[in-house]
């Protein structure tokens, strides 16, 4: 009997807690950072430029580290 009550309490707690977790997300966070590639369709061996952009983060106050083939650029 105690096991059934414990299982019921656990199920109710889980059912209430999972939807509440979704409410803690920051609106727009899924598009918080984007990287622009120029040219859009580079040829093999062509130099490209990557630009980080964000409507939520102040990238001028952030440290961005770019890597290429395991090396810091």
N, C-alpha and C. Protein backbone atom coordinates (compact mmCIF):
# COMPACT_ATOMS: atom_id res chain seq x y z
N UNK A 1 0.82 -1.19 0.00
CA UNK A 1 0.00 0.00 0.00
C UNK A 1 0.87 1.26 0.00
N UNK A 2 1.92 1.26 0.81
CA UNK A 2 2.81 2.41 0.89
C UNK A 2 3.50 2.62 -0.46
N UNK A 3 3.86 1.53 -1.13
CA UNK A 3 4.51 1.63 -2.44
C UNK A 3 3.57 2.29 -3.45
N UNK A 4 2.30 1.97 -3.41
CA UNK A 4 1.33 2.59 -4.34
C UNK A 4 1.18 4.08 -4.07
N UNK A 5 1.15 4.46 -2.80
CA UNK A 5 1.03 5.87 -2.45
C UNK A 5 2.29 6.62 -2.89
N UNK A 6 3.46 6.02 -2.66
CA UNK A 6 4.72 6.64 -3.07
C UNK A 6 4.76 6.80 -4.59
N UNK A 7 4.30 5.79 -5.32
CA UNK A 7 4.29 5.87 -6.78
C UNK A 7 3.32 6.95 -7.25
N UNK A 8 2.19 7.08 -6.60
CA UNK A 8 1.21 8.11 -6.95
C UNK A 8 1.78 9.50 -6.68
N UNK A 9 2.41 9.70 -5.53
CA UNK A 9 3.01 10.99 -5.19
C UNK A 9 4.10 11.33 -6.20
N UNK A 10 4.94 10.36 -6.55
CA UNK A 10 6.00 10.58 -7.53
C UNK A 10 5.42 10.96 -8.88
N UNK A 11 4.37 10.26 -9.31
CA UNK A 11 3.75 10.54 -10.61
C UNK A 11 3.14 11.94 -10.66
N UNK A 12 2.47 12.33 -9.60
CA UNK A 12 1.85 13.66 -9.55
C UNK A 12 2.93 14.74 -9.53
N UNK A 13 3.98 14.52 -8.74
CA UNK A 13 5.08 15.50 -8.68
C UNK A 13 5.73 15.65 -10.05
N UNK A 14 5.97 14.56 -10.72
CA UNK A 14 6.58 14.59 -12.04
C UNK A 14 5.66 15.27 -13.05
N UNK A 15 4.39 14.99 -12.99
CA UNK A 15 3.43 15.59 -13.92
C UNK A 15 3.33 17.10 -13.74
N UNK A 16 3.50 17.58 -12.52
CA UNK A 16 3.44 19.02 -12.25
C UNK A 16 4.77 19.68 -12.57
N UNK A 17 5.88 19.03 -12.29
CA UNK A 17 7.20 19.64 -12.44
C UNK A 17 7.62 19.77 -13.91
N UNK A 18 7.33 18.82 -14.75
CA UNK A 18 7.78 18.87 -16.14
C UNK A 18 7.23 20.07 -16.91
N UNK A 19 5.93 20.36 -16.86
CA UNK A 19 5.46 21.55 -17.57
C UNK A 19 6.02 22.85 -16.98
N UNK A 20 6.30 22.89 -15.69
CA UNK A 20 6.84 24.10 -15.08
C UNK A 20 8.25 24.37 -15.57
N UNK A 21 9.01 23.33 -15.89
CA UNK A 21 10.37 23.50 -16.38
C UNK A 21 10.39 24.33 -17.66
N UNK A 22 9.43 24.14 -18.52
CA UNK A 22 9.40 24.85 -19.80
C UNK A 22 9.20 26.34 -19.62
N UNK A 23 8.68 26.78 -18.51
CA UNK A 23 8.42 28.19 -18.28
C UNK A 23 9.67 28.98 -17.90
N UNK A 24 10.77 28.31 -17.62
CA UNK A 24 11.98 28.99 -17.20
C UNK A 24 12.86 29.41 -18.38
N UNK A 25 12.48 29.05 -19.60
CA UNK A 25 13.27 29.42 -20.77
C UNK A 25 13.20 30.91 -21.05
N UNK A 26 14.25 31.44 -21.65
CA UNK A 26 14.30 32.84 -22.01
C UNK A 26 13.70 33.01 -23.40
N UNK A 27 12.65 33.81 -23.56
CA UNK A 27 12.05 33.98 -24.87
C UNK A 27 13.07 34.51 -25.87
N UNK A 28 13.15 33.88 -27.03
CA UNK A 28 14.08 34.30 -28.06
C UNK A 28 15.46 33.68 -27.93
N UNK A 29 15.69 32.88 -26.88
CA UNK A 29 17.01 32.30 -26.66
C UNK A 29 17.41 31.34 -27.77
N UNK A 30 16.43 30.74 -28.45
CA UNK A 30 16.77 29.82 -29.53
C UNK A 30 17.44 30.51 -30.70
N UNK A 31 17.29 31.83 -30.81
CA UNK A 31 17.95 32.58 -31.87
C UNK A 31 18.89 33.63 -31.27
N UNK A 32 19.47 33.31 -30.12
CA UNK A 32 20.30 34.27 -29.39
C UNK A 32 21.63 34.54 -30.08
N UNK A 33 22.09 33.63 -30.90
CA UNK A 33 23.37 33.80 -31.57
C UNK A 33 23.27 33.24 -32.97
N UNK A 34 23.71 34.03 -33.94
CA UNK A 34 23.76 33.53 -35.31
C UNK A 34 25.13 33.84 -35.88
N UNK A 35 25.53 33.04 -36.85
CA UNK A 35 26.82 33.22 -37.50
C UNK A 35 26.55 33.38 -39.00
N UNK A 36 27.04 34.50 -39.55
CA UNK A 36 26.85 34.81 -40.96
C UNK A 36 28.11 34.41 -41.73
N UNK A 37 27.94 33.75 -42.85
CA UNK A 37 29.04 33.30 -43.70
C UNK A 37 29.06 34.13 -44.97
N UNK A 38 30.25 34.69 -45.31
CA UNK A 38 30.40 35.46 -46.53
C UNK A 38 31.63 34.94 -47.26
N UNK A 39 31.55 34.59 -48.53
CA UNK A 39 30.37 34.52 -49.38
C UNK A 39 29.47 33.36 -48.97
N UNK A 40 28.23 33.46 -49.35
CA UNK A 40 27.24 32.45 -48.95
C UNK A 40 27.58 31.07 -49.50
N UNK A 41 28.09 31.02 -50.71
CA UNK A 41 28.47 29.75 -51.35
C UNK A 41 29.93 29.83 -51.79
N UNK A 42 30.89 29.59 -50.87
CA UNK A 42 32.30 29.72 -51.23
C UNK A 42 32.77 28.59 -52.14
N UNK A 43 33.72 28.91 -52.99
CA UNK A 43 34.35 27.91 -53.84
C UNK A 43 35.41 27.17 -53.03
N UNK A 44 35.81 25.99 -53.44
CA UNK A 44 36.86 25.27 -52.71
C UNK A 44 38.13 26.11 -52.62
N UNK A 45 38.68 26.22 -51.43
CA UNK A 45 39.90 26.98 -51.21
C UNK A 45 39.71 28.48 -51.06
N UNK A 46 38.49 28.96 -51.26
CA UNK A 46 38.23 30.40 -51.16
C UNK A 46 38.19 30.84 -49.70
N UNK A 47 38.72 32.02 -49.42
CA UNK A 47 38.67 32.58 -48.07
C UNK A 47 37.23 32.98 -47.74
N UNK A 48 36.81 32.68 -46.53
CA UNK A 48 35.47 33.04 -46.08
C UNK A 48 35.57 33.92 -44.85
N UNK A 49 34.50 34.66 -44.60
CA UNK A 49 34.42 35.49 -43.41
C UNK A 49 33.21 35.05 -42.61
N UNK A 50 33.41 34.79 -41.32
CA UNK A 50 32.32 34.44 -40.42
C UNK A 50 32.11 35.61 -39.46
N UNK A 51 30.85 35.97 -39.26
CA UNK A 51 30.52 37.08 -38.37
C UNK A 51 29.47 36.61 -37.37
N UNK A 52 29.76 36.76 -36.09
CA UNK A 52 28.81 36.41 -35.03
C UNK A 52 27.91 37.61 -34.77
N UNK A 53 26.62 37.36 -34.64
CA UNK A 53 25.63 38.40 -34.37
C UNK A 53 24.67 37.91 -33.29
N UNK A 54 24.21 38.84 -32.45
CA UNK A 54 23.27 38.47 -31.40
C UNK A 54 22.39 39.65 -31.01
N UNK A 55 21.07 39.43 -30.97
CA UNK A 55 20.18 40.48 -30.48
C UNK A 55 20.08 40.49 -28.95
N UNK A 56 20.58 39.43 -28.28
CA UNK A 56 20.45 39.32 -26.83
C UNK A 56 21.75 39.56 -26.07
N UNK A 57 22.88 39.21 -26.68
CA UNK A 57 24.16 39.31 -25.99
C UNK A 57 24.98 40.46 -26.55
N UNK A 58 25.71 41.14 -25.68
CA UNK A 58 26.61 42.20 -26.11
C UNK A 58 27.94 41.55 -26.48
N UNK A 59 28.09 41.23 -27.76
CA UNK A 59 29.27 40.51 -28.21
C UNK A 59 30.53 41.36 -28.12
N UNK A 60 30.39 42.68 -28.09
CA UNK A 60 31.57 43.54 -27.95
C UNK A 60 32.18 43.39 -26.55
N UNK A 61 31.41 42.92 -25.59
CA UNK A 61 31.88 42.70 -24.24
C UNK A 61 32.17 41.21 -23.97
N UNK A 62 32.12 40.40 -25.03
CA UNK A 62 32.33 38.96 -24.90
C UNK A 62 33.64 38.56 -25.53
N UNK A 63 34.15 37.44 -25.09
CA UNK A 63 35.36 36.89 -25.70
C UNK A 63 34.95 35.76 -26.63
N UNK A 64 35.14 35.97 -27.92
CA UNK A 64 34.83 34.96 -28.91
C UNK A 64 36.13 34.32 -29.36
N UNK A 65 36.15 33.01 -29.40
CA UNK A 65 37.34 32.28 -29.85
C UNK A 65 36.93 31.44 -31.05
N UNK A 66 37.58 31.68 -32.17
CA UNK A 66 37.28 30.96 -33.40
C UNK A 66 38.32 29.86 -33.60
N UNK A 67 37.87 28.69 -33.97
CA UNK A 67 38.75 27.53 -34.21
C UNK A 67 38.60 27.09 -35.65
N UNK A 68 39.69 26.63 -36.25
CA UNK A 68 39.66 26.03 -37.58
C UNK A 68 40.61 24.85 -37.58
N UNK A 69 40.07 23.67 -37.88
CA UNK A 69 40.88 22.44 -37.87
C UNK A 69 41.63 22.25 -36.56
N UNK A 70 40.98 22.55 -35.45
CA UNK A 70 41.56 22.36 -34.14
C UNK A 70 42.52 23.43 -33.68
N UNK A 71 42.72 24.46 -34.50
CA UNK A 71 43.64 25.53 -34.14
C UNK A 71 42.87 26.83 -33.88
N UNK A 72 43.33 27.60 -32.90
CA UNK A 72 42.71 28.89 -32.61
C UNK A 72 43.16 29.88 -33.66
N UNK A 73 42.21 30.62 -34.23
CA UNK A 73 42.54 31.62 -35.25
C UNK A 73 42.85 32.95 -34.60
